[in-house]
C-alpha atoms as a PDB file:
ATOM      1  CA  ASP A   1      -6.978 -44.551 -20.029  1.00  0.00           C
ATOM      2  CA  LYS A   2      -5.269 -42.845 -17.104  1.00  0.00           C
ATOM      3  CA  GLY A   3      -3.113 -39.939 -18.102  1.00  0.00           C
ATOM      4  CA  ALA A   4      -4.625 -39.516 -21.567  1.00  0.00           C
ATOM      5  CA  TYR A   5      -6.073 -36.111 -22.411  1.00  0.00           C
ATOM      6  CA  GLY A   6      -8.210 -34.382 -24.997  1.00  0.00           C
ATOM      7  CA  LEU A   7     -10.207 -35.619 -27.940  1.00  0.00           C
ATOM      8  CA  MET A   8      -7.332 -37.726 -29.218  1.00  0.00           C
ATOM      9  CA  GLN A   9      -6.498 -39.107 -25.761  1.00  0.00           C
ATOM     10  CA  LEU A  10      -2.814 -38.185 -25.887  1.00  0.00           C
ATOM     11  CA  THR A  11      -0.554 -39.011 -22.983  1.00  0.00           C
ATOM     12  CA  SER A  12       1.872 -36.358 -21.769  1.00  0.00           C
ATOM     13  CA  ARG A  13       4.777 -38.406 -23.114  1.00  0.00           C
ATOM     14  CA  MET A  14       3.137 -38.794 -26.510  1.00  0.00           C
ATOM     15  CA  ALA A  15       2.360 -35.074 -26.632  1.00  0.00           C
ATOM     16  CA  VAL A  16       6.031 -34.261 -26.067  1.00  0.00           C
ATOM     17  CA  SER A  17       7.116 -36.687 -28.816  1.00  0.00           C
ATOM     18  CA  LEU A  18       4.589 -35.098 -31.192  1.00  0.00           C
ATOM     19  CA  ASP A  19       5.702 -31.565 -30.246  1.00  0.00           C
ATOM     20  CA  VAL A  20       2.237 -30.729 -28.871  1.00  0.00           C
ATOM     21  CA  LYS A  21       2.871 -27.742 -26.595  1.00  0.00           C
ATOM     22  CA  ASP A  22      -0.594 -27.613 -24.975  1.00  0.00           C
ATOM     23  CA  ILE A  23      -2.243 -31.015 -24.687  1.00  0.00           C
ATOM     24  CA  PHE A  24      -5.507 -29.325 -23.626  1.00  0.00           C
ATOM     25  CA  ASP A  25      -5.726 -27.141 -26.760  1.00  0.00           C
ATOM     26  CA  PRO A  26      -8.210 -29.028 -28.975  1.00  0.00           C
ATOM     27  CA  GLU A  27      -6.544 -27.959 -32.219  1.00  0.00           C
ATOM     28  CA  GLN A  28      -3.073 -29.068 -31.086  1.00  0.00           C
ATOM     29  CA  ASN A  29      -4.469 -32.265 -29.554  1.00  0.00           C
ATOM     30  CA  ILE A  30      -6.313 -33.270 -32.733  1.00  0.00           C
ATOM     31  CA  GLU A  31      -3.431 -32.275 -35.017  1.00  0.00           C
ATOM     32  CA  GLY A  32      -0.932 -34.251 -32.921  1.00  0.00           C
ATOM     33  CA  GLY A  33      -3.206 -37.261 -32.619  1.00  0.00           C
ATOM     34  CA  THR A  34      -3.933 -37.415 -36.329  1.00  0.00           C
ATOM     35  CA  ARG A  35      -0.206 -37.083 -37.095  1.00  0.00           C
ATOM     36  CA  PHE A  36       0.475 -40.007 -34.761  1.00  0.00           C
ATOM     37  CA  LEU A  37      -2.315 -42.069 -36.346  1.00  0.00           C
ATOM     38  CA  ARG A  38      -0.779 -41.373 -39.748  1.00  0.00           C
ATOM     39  CA  GLU A  39       2.616 -42.576 -38.484  1.00  0.00           C
ATOM     40  CA  LEU A  40       0.998 -45.787 -37.275  1.00  0.00           C
ATOM     41  CA  TYR A  41      -0.853 -46.191 -40.569  1.00  0.00           C
ATOM     42  CA  ASP A  42       2.445 -45.855 -42.429  1.00  0.00           C
ATOM     43  CA  HIS A  43       3.916 -48.742 -40.370  1.00  0.00           C
ATOM     44  CA  PHE A  44       1.445 -51.193 -41.883  1.00  0.00           C
ATOM     45  CA  ASP A  45       2.080 -50.680 -45.589  1.00  0.00           C
ATOM     46  CA  LYS A  46       1.794 -54.425 -46.288  1.00  0.00           C
ATOM     47  CA  ALA A  47      -1.832 -54.363 -45.133  1.00  0.00           C
ATOM     48  CA  SER A  48      -4.427 -52.754 -47.359  1.00  0.00           C
ATOM     49  CA  GLY A  49      -7.817 -51.096 -47.231  1.00  0.00           C
ATOM     50  CA  SER A  50      -9.786 -51.366 -44.037  1.00  0.00           C
ATOM     51  CA  ASP A  51      -7.321 -53.949 -42.658  1.00  0.00           C
ATOM     52  CA  ARG A  52      -4.575 -51.328 -42.676  1.00  0.00           C
ATOM     53  CA  LEU A  53      -6.796 -48.673 -41.119  1.00  0.00           C
ATOM     54  CA  PHE A  54      -8.150 -50.960 -38.402  1.00  0.00           C
ATOM     55  CA  ILE A  55      -4.673 -52.222 -37.478  1.00  0.00           C
ATOM     56  CA  ALA A  56      -3.406 -48.629 -37.235  1.00  0.00           C
ATOM     57  CA  ILE A  57      -6.352 -47.564 -35.065  1.00  0.00           C
ATOM     58  CA  ALA A  58      -5.860 -50.619 -32.857  1.00  0.00           C
ATOM     59  CA  ALA A  59      -2.176 -49.685 -32.487  1.00  0.00           C
ATOM     60  CA  TYR A  60      -3.254 -46.177 -31.478  1.00  0.00           C
ATOM     61  CA  ASN A  61      -5.512 -47.761 -28.869  1.00  0.00           C
ATOM     62  CA  ILE A  62      -3.279 -50.476 -27.384  1.00  0.00           C
ATOM     63  CA  GLY A  63       0.225 -49.548 -28.508  1.00  0.00           C
ATOM     64  CA  LEU A  64       2.371 -50.507 -31.451  1.00  0.00           C
ATOM     65  CA  GLY A  65       4.361 -53.089 -29.494  1.00  0.00           C
ATOM     66  CA  HIS A  66       1.282 -55.130 -28.648  1.00  0.00           C
ATOM     67  CA  ILE A  67       0.234 -55.069 -32.291  1.00  0.00           C
ATOM     68  CA  TRP A  68       3.666 -56.431 -33.270  1.00  0.00           C
ATOM     69  CA  ASP A  69       3.199 -59.189 -30.665  1.00  0.00           C
ATOM     70  CA  ALA A  70      -0.277 -60.026 -31.992  1.00  0.00           C
ATOM     71  CA  ARG A  71       1.098 -60.131 -35.536  1.00  0.00           C
ATOM     72  CA  ASP A  72       3.852 -62.528 -34.403  1.00  0.00           C
ATOM     73  CA  LEU A  73       1.194 -64.755 -32.816  1.00  0.00           C
ATOM     74  CA  ALA A  74      -0.772 -64.614 -36.076  1.00  0.00           C
ATOM     75  CA  ARG A  75       2.279 -65.836 -38.013  1.00  0.00           C
ATOM     76  CA  GLU A  76       2.784 -68.659 -35.495  1.00  0.00           C
ATOM     77  CA  ARG A  77      -0.832 -69.708 -36.075  1.00  0.00           C
ATOM     78  CA  ASN A  78      -0.475 -69.517 -39.891  1.00  0.00           C
ATOM     79  CA  LEU A  79      -2.720 -66.466 -40.058  1.00  0.00           C
ATOM     80  CA  ASP A  80      -2.041 -63.429 -42.224  1.00  0.00           C
ATOM     81  CA  PRO A  81      -0.584 -60.728 -39.913  1.00  0.00           C
ATOM     82  CA  ASN A  82      -1.774 -58.066 -42.364  1.00  0.00           C
ATOM     83  CA  ARG A  83      -5.442 -58.957 -41.950  1.00  0.00           C
ATOM     84  CA  TRP A  84      -7.502 -57.401 -39.192  1.00  0.00           C
ATOM     85  CA  SER A  85      -9.477 -60.653 -38.871  1.00  0.00           C
ATOM     86  CA  SER A  86      -6.225 -62.402 -37.847  1.00  0.00           C
ATOM     87  CA  LEU A  87      -5.535 -59.838 -35.125  1.00  0.00           C
ATOM     88  CA  VAL A  88      -9.117 -60.159 -33.887  1.00  0.00           C
ATOM     89  CA  GLU A  89      -8.107 -63.740 -33.046  1.00  0.00           C
ATOM     90  CA  THR A  90      -4.639 -63.056 -31.639  1.00  0.00           C
ATOM     91  CA  LEU A  91      -4.968 -59.765 -29.734  1.00  0.00           C
ATOM     92  CA  PRO A  92      -7.202 -61.307 -27.025  1.00  0.00           C
ATOM     93  CA  LEU A  93      -4.586 -64.055 -26.517  1.00  0.00           C
ATOM     94  CA  LEU A  94      -2.193 -61.405 -25.148  1.00  0.00           C
ATOM     95  CA  MET A  95      -4.258 -61.415 -21.943  1.00  0.00           C
ATOM     96  CA  TYR A  96      -3.144 -64.951 -21.138  1.00  0.00           C
ATOM     97  CA  TYR A  97       0.269 -65.869 -19.746  1.00  0.00           C
ATOM     98  CA  LYS A  98       0.398 -68.973 -21.922  1.00  0.00           C
ATOM     99  CA  TYR A  99       0.603 -66.647 -24.953  1.00  0.00           C
ATOM    100  CA  ASN A 100       2.139 -63.438 -23.613  1.00  0.00           C
ATOM    101  CA  LYS A 101       5.051 -65.021 -21.715  1.00  0.00           C
ATOM    102  CA  ASN A 102       7.143 -65.235 -24.890  1.00  0.00           C
ATOM    103  CA  THR A 103       6.161 -61.897 -26.405  1.00  0.00           C
ATOM    104  CA  LYS A 104       8.357 -58.834 -26.363  1.00  0.00           C
ATOM    105  CA  HIS A 105       5.727 -56.539 -24.831  1.00  0.00           C
ATOM    106  CA  GLY A 106       3.935 -58.993 -22.553  1.00  0.00           C
ATOM    107  CA  TYR A 107       0.439 -58.724 -21.171  1.00  0.00           C
ATOM    108  CA  ALA A 108      -2.145 -56.581 -22.949  1.00  0.00           C
ATOM    109  CA  ARG A 109      -5.879 -56.105 -22.612  1.00  0.00           C
ATOM    110  CA  GLY A 110      -6.299 -57.474 -26.114  1.00  0.00           C
ATOM    111  CA  THR A 111     -10.078 -57.516 -26.212  1.00  0.00           C
ATOM    112  CA  GLU A 112     -10.187 -53.715 -25.847  1.00  0.00           C
ATOM    113  CA  PRO A 113      -8.920 -52.767 -29.323  1.00  0.00           C
ATOM    114  CA  VAL A 114     -11.082 -55.488 -30.870  1.00  0.00           C
ATOM    115  CA  ARG A 115     -14.164 -54.058 -29.149  1.00  0.00           C
ATOM    116  CA  TYR A 116     -13.046 -50.499 -29.983  1.00  0.00           C
ATOM    117  CA  ILE A 117     -12.765 -51.209 -33.719  1.00  0.00           C
ATOM    118  CA  LYS A 118     -16.120 -52.993 -33.682  1.00  0.00           C
ATOM    119  CA  GLN A 119     -17.737 -49.917 -32.095  1.00  0.00           C
ATOM    120  CA  ILE A 120     -16.101 -47.629 -34.678  1.00  0.00           C
ATOM    121  CA  VAL A 121     -17.445 -49.779 -37.531  1.00  0.00           C
ATOM    122  CA  ILE A 122     -20.948 -49.764 -36.036  1.00  0.00           C
ATOM    123  CA  TYR A 123     -20.851 -45.994 -35.577  1.00  0.00           C
ATOM    124  CA  TYR A 124     -19.512 -45.501 -39.111  1.00  0.00           C
ATOM    125  CA  ASP A 125     -22.332 -47.643 -40.514  1.00  0.00           C
ATOM    126  CA  ILE A 126     -24.899 -45.570 -38.600  1.00  0.00           C
ATOM    127  CA  LEU A 127     -23.423 -42.318 -39.937  1.00  0.00           C
ATOM    128  CA  LYS A 128     -23.270 -43.734 -43.468  1.00  0.00           C
ATOM    129  CA  HIS A 129     -26.930 -44.794 -43.258  1.00  0.00           C
ATOM    130  CA  GLN A 130     -27.978 -41.371 -41.960  1.00  0.00           C
ATOM    131  CA  SER A 131     -26.024 -39.691 -44.755  1.00  0.00           C
ATOM    132  CA  ILE A 132     -27.775 -41.835 -47.365  1.00  0.00           C
ATOM    133  CA  GLU A 133     -31.176 -40.932 -45.874  1.00  0.00           C
ATOM    134  CA  TYR A 134     -30.223 -37.254 -45.808  1.00  0.00           C
ATOM    135  CA  GLN A 135     -29.021 -37.312 -49.419  1.00  0.00           C
ATOM    136  CA  ALA A 136     -32.241 -39.060 -50.476  1.00  0.00           C
ATOM    137  CA  ALA A 137     -34.326 -36.418 -48.678  1.00  0.00           C
ATOM    138  CA  ILE A 138     -32.442 -33.632 -50.466  1.00  0.00           C
ATOM    139  CA  ALA A 139     -32.791 -35.347 -53.847  1.00  0.00           C
ATOM    140  CA  SER A 140     -36.561 -35.712 -53.575  1.00  0.00           C
ATOM    141  CA  PRO A 141     -37.996 -32.985 -51.334  1.00  0.00           C
ATOM    142  CA  ARG A 142     -41.626 -33.274 -50.319  1.00  0.00           C
ATOM    143  CA  LYS A 143     -44.069 -31.163 -52.251  1.00  0.00           C
ATOM    144  CA  GLU A 144     -46.278 -28.953 -50.176  1.00  0.00           C
ATOM    145  CA  VAL A 145     -50.019 -29.263 -50.738  1.00  0.00           C
END
């Protein structure tokens, strides 16, 4: 995204709101970004488990307002707004005028957070698999001949 800096991709405006003095300092950037992610996570206390985490990460990616809009669309479609699977269906609709014309925050590139979460899950699964292999290798080291 344009104007987003550092590992946590903070905008200058977000950095100011999080009291991050130097957006280019990795420690401040990560600390501010994780604090913001926690704030987003706390917004979704009716969601649980991975649904709550994925919704919070998606809000970090696309903005809280667009998540509220996608949740409203989910309710209109009789979907549970606290389930990530519901937002996977409704976030992409925010790209189309037919759906975004009556939302508070309007147009959004709704496929981006869906793709982003999918990539995170894939990467997490890879890391989990590698960790399992590593733990197995430690538990049963090869005997030298």
